[in-house]
Amino acid sequence: MSNFQDPYPQEDPNDVQANKVMAILAYILFFIPLLAARNSSFAMYHANQGLVLFIVAVAAQVVVQIIPIIGGLLYPFVFLAILAFMIIGIINAANGQRKPLPLFGNVQLIK
């Protein structure tokens, strides 16, 4: 018998199917699931991930704007990184998975 625990617990299949679109939209407009799927733990998890990604994107944009010389060189990489995180989140939501985003996905702002 193994003591291995799955770090990404299985979701309720009914909740995932009913709220998959809301979870995907969370990475584009994080507040949509907050309004439309408040009772879904799956949608709320991805809304949290979308909110954290939004905050990181705004903070990165502010830093890039404050430091114009270095920011001008880094802007394409920052944009691509944010886009990559969005795609990762959308893929996880579309697959019905509850995986945190790399680097900052373990931050929880919405319960």
N, C-alpha and C. Protein backbone atom coordinates (compact mmCIF):
# COMPACT_ATOMS: atom_id res chain seq x y z
N MET A 1 0.85 -1.17 0.00
CA MET A 1 0.00 0.00 0.00
C MET A 1 0.90 1.24 0.00
N SER A 2 0.56 2.19 -0.81
CA SER A 2 1.37 3.39 -0.97
C SER A 2 0.71 4.57 -0.24
N ASN A 3 1.55 5.44 0.31
CA ASN A 3 1.06 6.64 0.96
C ASN A 3 1.06 7.83 0.02
N PHE A 4 1.23 7.57 -1.28
CA PHE A 4 1.27 8.63 -2.27
C PHE A 4 -0.09 9.31 -2.38
N GLN A 5 -0.08 10.64 -2.25
CA GLN A 5 -1.30 11.41 -2.42
C GLN A 5 -1.20 12.22 -3.70
N ASP A 6 -2.24 12.20 -4.48
CA ASP A 6 -2.28 12.99 -5.70
C ASP A 6 -2.29 14.47 -5.33
N PRO A 7 -1.30 15.25 -5.81
CA PRO A 7 -1.28 16.67 -5.46
C PRO A 7 -2.40 17.46 -6.11
N TYR A 8 -3.04 16.89 -7.11
CA TYR A 8 -4.14 17.56 -7.79
C TYR A 8 -5.38 16.69 -7.64
N PRO A 9 -6.16 16.93 -6.59
CA PRO A 9 -7.31 16.05 -6.33
C PRO A 9 -8.33 16.11 -7.45
N GLN A 10 -9.03 15.01 -7.62
CA GLN A 10 -10.06 14.93 -8.65
C GLN A 10 -11.24 15.82 -8.26
N GLU A 11 -11.77 16.47 -9.25
CA GLU A 11 -12.93 17.32 -9.06
C GLU A 11 -14.21 16.49 -9.20
N ASP A 12 -15.28 17.07 -8.73
CA ASP A 12 -16.59 16.49 -8.97
C ASP A 12 -16.86 16.59 -10.47
N PRO A 13 -17.03 15.46 -11.16
CA PRO A 13 -17.20 15.50 -12.62
C PRO A 13 -18.37 16.37 -13.08
N ASN A 14 -19.44 16.41 -12.29
CA ASN A 14 -20.59 17.25 -12.65
C ASN A 14 -20.24 18.72 -12.56
N ASP A 15 -19.49 19.10 -11.52
CA ASP A 15 -19.07 20.49 -11.36
C ASP A 15 -18.14 20.90 -12.49
N VAL A 16 -17.21 20.02 -12.84
CA VAL A 16 -16.26 20.32 -13.93
C VAL A 16 -17.01 20.52 -15.24
N GLN A 17 -17.90 19.60 -15.58
CA GLN A 17 -18.62 19.70 -16.86
C GLN A 17 -19.50 20.94 -16.91
N ALA A 18 -20.16 21.24 -15.81
CA ALA A 18 -21.09 22.37 -15.79
C ALA A 18 -20.37 23.71 -15.82
N ASN A 19 -19.13 23.76 -15.33
CA ASN A 19 -18.45 25.05 -15.16
C ASN A 19 -17.11 25.14 -15.89
N LYS A 20 -16.88 24.26 -16.83
CA LYS A 20 -15.63 24.28 -17.58
C LYS A 20 -15.45 25.59 -18.35
N VAL A 21 -16.50 26.08 -18.97
CA VAL A 21 -16.41 27.34 -19.72
C VAL A 21 -16.10 28.49 -18.78
N MET A 22 -16.73 28.50 -17.61
CA MET A 22 -16.45 29.56 -16.63
C MET A 22 -14.99 29.52 -16.18
N ALA A 23 -14.46 28.32 -15.99
CA ALA A 23 -13.07 28.18 -15.58
C ALA A 23 -12.13 28.68 -16.67
N ILE A 24 -12.45 28.40 -17.92
CA ILE A 24 -11.62 28.88 -19.03
C ILE A 24 -11.68 30.40 -19.11
N LEU A 25 -12.88 30.97 -18.96
CA LEU A 25 -13.04 32.42 -19.01
C LEU A 25 -12.30 33.14 -17.88
N ALA A 26 -12.03 32.43 -16.80
CA ALA A 26 -11.35 33.03 -15.66
C ALA A 26 -9.96 33.55 -16.02
N TYR A 27 -9.35 32.99 -17.04
CA TYR A 27 -8.01 33.43 -17.44
C TYR A 27 -8.07 34.62 -18.40
N ILE A 28 -9.25 34.93 -18.89
CA ILE A 28 -9.43 36.08 -19.77
C ILE A 28 -10.02 37.23 -18.98
N LEU A 29 -11.09 36.98 -18.25
CA LEU A 29 -11.73 37.95 -17.37
C LEU A 29 -12.06 37.23 -16.06
N PHE A 30 -11.19 37.36 -15.07
CA PHE A 30 -11.28 36.56 -13.85
C PHE A 30 -12.59 36.76 -13.08
N PHE A 31 -13.25 37.90 -13.24
CA PHE A 31 -14.44 38.18 -12.44
C PHE A 31 -15.72 37.51 -12.98
N ILE A 32 -15.69 37.00 -14.20
CA ILE A 32 -16.88 36.34 -14.77
C ILE A 32 -17.31 35.15 -13.90
N PRO A 33 -16.40 34.23 -13.53
CA PRO A 33 -16.84 33.12 -12.67
C PRO A 33 -17.28 33.59 -11.28
N LEU A 34 -16.73 34.71 -10.82
CA LEU A 34 -17.15 35.23 -9.51
C LEU A 34 -18.62 35.63 -9.54
N LEU A 35 -19.09 36.08 -10.69
CA LEU A 35 -20.49 36.49 -10.83
C LEU A 35 -21.40 35.33 -11.24
N ALA A 36 -20.92 34.47 -12.12
CA ALA A 36 -21.80 33.47 -12.74
C ALA A 36 -21.70 32.07 -12.12
N ALA A 37 -20.61 31.75 -11.46
CA ALA A 37 -20.43 30.38 -10.95
C ALA A 37 -19.86 30.40 -9.53
N ARG A 38 -20.43 31.22 -8.69
CA ARG A 38 -19.92 31.41 -7.32
C ARG A 38 -19.94 30.13 -6.50
N ASN A 39 -20.85 29.21 -6.78
CA ASN A 39 -20.98 27.98 -5.99
C ASN A 39 -20.11 26.84 -6.49
N SER A 40 -19.36 27.06 -7.54
CA SER A 40 -18.52 26.00 -8.10
C SER A 40 -17.09 26.11 -7.57
N SER A 41 -16.63 25.09 -6.89
CA SER A 41 -15.25 25.13 -6.38
C SER A 41 -14.25 25.08 -7.53
N PHE A 42 -14.61 24.40 -8.61
CA PHE A 42 -13.73 24.31 -9.78
C PHE A 42 -13.58 25.68 -10.43
N ALA A 43 -14.68 26.37 -10.67
CA ALA A 43 -14.63 27.70 -11.29
C ALA A 43 -13.95 28.70 -10.36
N MET A 44 -14.17 28.60 -9.05
CA MET A 44 -13.55 29.53 -8.10
C MET A 44 -12.04 29.33 -8.03
N TYR A 45 -11.60 28.07 -8.14
CA TYR A 45 -10.16 27.81 -8.16
C TYR A 45 -9.52 28.51 -9.35
N HIS A 46 -10.12 28.37 -10.52
CA HIS A 46 -9.54 28.98 -11.71
C HIS A 46 -9.74 30.49 -11.72
N ALA A 47 -10.80 31.00 -11.09
CA ALA A 47 -10.96 32.44 -10.94
C ALA A 47 -9.83 33.00 -10.07
N ASN A 48 -9.46 32.27 -9.04
CA ASN A 48 -8.33 32.67 -8.20
C ASN A 48 -7.04 32.69 -9.01
N GLN A 49 -6.82 31.67 -9.80
CA GLN A 49 -5.62 31.61 -10.63
C GLN A 49 -5.61 32.77 -11.63
N GLY A 50 -6.76 33.07 -12.21
CA GLY A 50 -6.87 34.18 -13.15
C GLY A 50 -6.62 35.52 -12.49
N LEU A 51 -7.12 35.70 -11.27
CA LEU A 51 -6.89 36.94 -10.52
C LEU A 51 -5.42 37.12 -10.19
N VAL A 52 -4.77 36.05 -9.73
CA VAL A 52 -3.33 36.13 -9.42
C VAL A 52 -2.54 36.45 -10.69
N LEU A 53 -2.89 35.82 -11.79
CA LEU A 53 -2.21 36.11 -13.06
C LEU A 53 -2.42 37.56 -13.47
N PHE A 54 -3.63 38.08 -13.29
CA PHE A 54 -3.92 39.47 -13.61
C PHE A 54 -3.06 40.42 -12.77
N ILE A 55 -2.96 40.16 -11.48
CA ILE A 55 -2.15 41.00 -10.59
C ILE A 55 -0.68 40.94 -10.98
N VAL A 56 -0.18 39.76 -11.31
CA VAL A 56 1.21 39.63 -11.75
C VAL A 56 1.43 40.39 -13.05
N ALA A 57 0.47 40.32 -13.97
CA ALA A 57 0.60 41.02 -15.25
C ALA A 57 0.61 42.52 -15.05
N VAL A 58 -0.26 43.03 -14.17
CA VAL A 58 -0.28 44.47 -13.90
C VAL A 58 1.02 44.90 -13.24
N ALA A 59 1.49 44.13 -12.27
CA ALA A 59 2.76 44.47 -11.60
C ALA A 59 3.92 44.46 -12.59
N ALA A 60 3.96 43.49 -13.47
CA ALA A 60 5.02 43.42 -14.48
C ALA A 60 4.95 44.61 -15.42
N GLN A 61 3.74 45.00 -15.80
CA GLN A 61 3.56 46.16 -16.68
C GLN A 61 4.04 47.44 -16.00
N VAL A 62 3.75 47.59 -14.71
CA VAL A 62 4.20 48.77 -13.97
C VAL A 62 5.72 48.81 -13.92
N VAL A 63 6.34 47.68 -13.63
CA VAL A 63 7.80 47.62 -13.58
C VAL A 63 8.41 47.95 -14.93
N VAL A 64 7.85 47.41 -15.99
CA VAL A 64 8.36 47.68 -17.33
C VAL A 64 8.21 49.16 -17.68
N GLN A 65 7.13 49.80 -17.23
CA GLN A 65 6.92 51.21 -17.51
C GLN A 65 7.84 52.11 -16.68
N ILE A 66 8.17 51.69 -15.47
CA ILE A 66 9.02 52.51 -14.59
C ILE A 66 10.46 52.51 -15.08
N ILE A 67 10.93 51.39 -15.60
CA ILE A 67 12.32 51.27 -16.06
C ILE A 67 12.29 51.21 -17.58
N PRO A 68 12.28 52.35 -18.26
CA PRO A 68 12.05 52.35 -19.70
C PRO A 68 13.13 51.65 -20.54
N ILE A 69 14.40 51.81 -20.22
CA ILE A 69 15.44 51.21 -21.05
C ILE A 69 15.42 49.69 -20.92
N ILE A 70 15.49 49.21 -19.68
CA ILE A 70 15.46 47.76 -19.47
C ILE A 70 14.07 47.21 -19.79
N GLY A 71 13.04 47.98 -19.43
CA GLY A 71 11.67 47.55 -19.68
C GLY A 71 11.38 47.37 -21.16
N GLY A 72 11.93 48.24 -21.98
CA GLY A 72 11.73 48.11 -23.42
C GLY A 72 12.31 46.83 -23.97
N LEU A 73 13.41 46.40 -23.37
CA LEU A 73 14.02 45.13 -23.80
C LEU A 73 13.28 43.92 -23.25
N LEU A 74 12.73 44.07 -22.05
CA LEU A 74 12.07 42.94 -21.39
C LEU A 74 10.60 42.79 -21.76
N TYR A 75 10.00 43.85 -22.29
CA TYR A 75 8.55 43.82 -22.55
C TYR A 75 8.11 42.62 -23.38
N PRO A 76 8.78 42.30 -24.48
CA PRO A 76 8.32 41.14 -25.26
C PRO A 76 8.37 39.83 -24.45
N PHE A 77 9.37 39.68 -23.61
CA PHE A 77 9.49 38.46 -22.81
C PHE A 77 8.42 38.40 -21.73
N VAL A 78 8.14 39.55 -21.12
CA VAL A 78 7.09 39.61 -20.10
C VAL A 78 5.74 39.29 -20.73
N PHE A 79 5.47 39.88 -21.89
CA PHE A 79 4.21 39.63 -22.59
C PHE A 79 4.08 38.15 -22.95
N LEU A 80 5.14 37.55 -23.46
CA LEU A 80 5.09 36.13 -23.83
C LEU A 80 4.92 35.24 -22.61
N ALA A 81 5.55 35.60 -21.49
CA ALA A 81 5.41 34.81 -20.27
C ALA A 81 3.97 34.85 -19.76
N ILE A 82 3.36 36.03 -19.75
CA ILE A 82 1.97 36.15 -19.31
C ILE A 82 1.06 35.36 -20.24
N LEU A 83 1.29 35.47 -21.54
CA LEU A 83 0.51 34.72 -22.52
C LEU A 83 0.67 33.20 -22.30
N ALA A 84 1.88 32.76 -22.02
CA ALA A 84 2.13 31.33 -21.77
C ALA A 84 1.40 30.87 -20.52
N PHE A 85 1.41 31.68 -19.45
CA PHE A 85 0.68 31.31 -18.24
C PHE A 85 -0.82 31.25 -18.50
N MET A 86 -1.35 32.16 -19.32
CA MET A 86 -2.77 32.12 -19.67
C MET A 86 -3.10 30.83 -20.41
N ILE A 87 -2.26 30.46 -21.35
CA ILE A 87 -2.50 29.24 -22.13
C ILE A 87 -2.43 28.01 -21.24
N ILE A 88 -1.46 27.97 -20.33
CA ILE A 88 -1.35 26.84 -19.40
C ILE A 88 -2.62 26.73 -18.56
N GLY A 89 -3.08 27.86 -18.04
CA GLY A 89 -4.29 27.86 -17.22
C GLY A 89 -5.52 27.43 -18.00
N ILE A 90 -5.65 27.93 -19.23
CA ILE A 90 -6.80 27.56 -20.06
C ILE A 90 -6.77 26.06 -20.38
N ILE A 91 -5.59 25.53 -20.67
CA ILE A 91 -5.48 24.09 -20.95
C ILE A 91 -5.85 23.27 -19.72
N ASN A 92 -5.36 23.68 -18.54
CA ASN A 92 -5.71 22.98 -17.31
C ASN A 92 -7.22 23.00 -17.07
N ALA A 93 -7.84 24.16 -17.26
CA ALA A 93 -9.28 24.28 -17.05
C ALA A 93 -10.05 23.44 -18.07
N ALA A 94 -9.62 23.48 -19.32
CA ALA A 94 -10.30 22.71 -20.37
C ALA A 94 -10.19 21.21 -20.13
N ASN A 95 -9.09 20.78 -19.51
CA ASN A 95 -8.90 19.36 -19.20
C ASN A 95 -9.53 18.95 -17.87
N GLY A 96 -10.17 19.90 -17.19
CA GLY A 96 -10.82 19.58 -15.91
C GLY A 96 -9.85 19.37 -14.78
N GLN A 97 -8.67 19.98 -14.87
CA GLN A 97 -7.63 19.79 -13.85
C GLN A 97 -7.53 21.02 -12.96
N ARG A 98 -7.06 20.77 -11.77
CA ARG A 98 -6.85 21.83 -10.78
C ARG A 98 -5.35 21.92 -10.49
N LYS A 99 -4.59 22.31 -11.49
CA LYS A 99 -3.15 22.45 -11.34
C LYS A 99 -2.79 23.91 -11.16
N PRO A 100 -1.90 24.22 -10.21
CA PRO A 100 -1.49 25.62 -10.05
C PRO A 100 -0.58 26.08 -11.18
N LEU A 101 -0.65 27.35 -11.49
CA LEU A 101 0.24 27.92 -12.48
C LEU A 101 1.67 27.90 -11.96
N PRO A 102 2.66 27.80 -12.83
CA PRO A 102 4.05 27.82 -12.38
C PRO A 102 4.40 29.14 -11.70
N LEU A 103 5.30 29.09 -10.76
CA LEU A 103 5.87 30.22 -10.03
C LEU A 103 4.95 30.82 -8.96
N PHE A 104 3.74 31.18 -9.30
CA PHE A 104 2.88 31.89 -8.35
C PHE A 104 1.50 31.27 -8.21
N GLY A 105 1.31 30.08 -8.68
CA GLY A 105 0.00 29.45 -8.67
C GLY A 105 -0.49 29.00 -7.32
N ASN A 106 0.37 28.96 -6.32
CA ASN A 106 -0.05 28.53 -5.00
C ASN A 106 -0.58 29.68 -4.15
N VAL A 107 -0.62 30.88 -4.69
CA VAL A 107 -1.17 32.04 -3.97
C VAL A 107 -2.69 31.93 -4.02
N GLN A 108 -3.32 32.06 -2.84
CA GLN A 108 -4.77 31.96 -2.80
C GLN A 108 -5.35 33.27 -2.30
N LEU A 109 -6.09 33.96 -3.16
CA LEU A 109 -6.74 35.22 -2.82
C LEU A 109 -8.25 35.06 -2.68
N ILE A 110 -8.83 34.10 -3.40
CA ILE A 110 -10.27 33.84 -3.36
C ILE A 110 -10.49 32.49 -2.71
N LYS A 111 -11.39 32.46 -1.74
CA LYS A 111 -11.68 31.19 -1.07
C LYS A 111 -12.96 30.61 -1.57
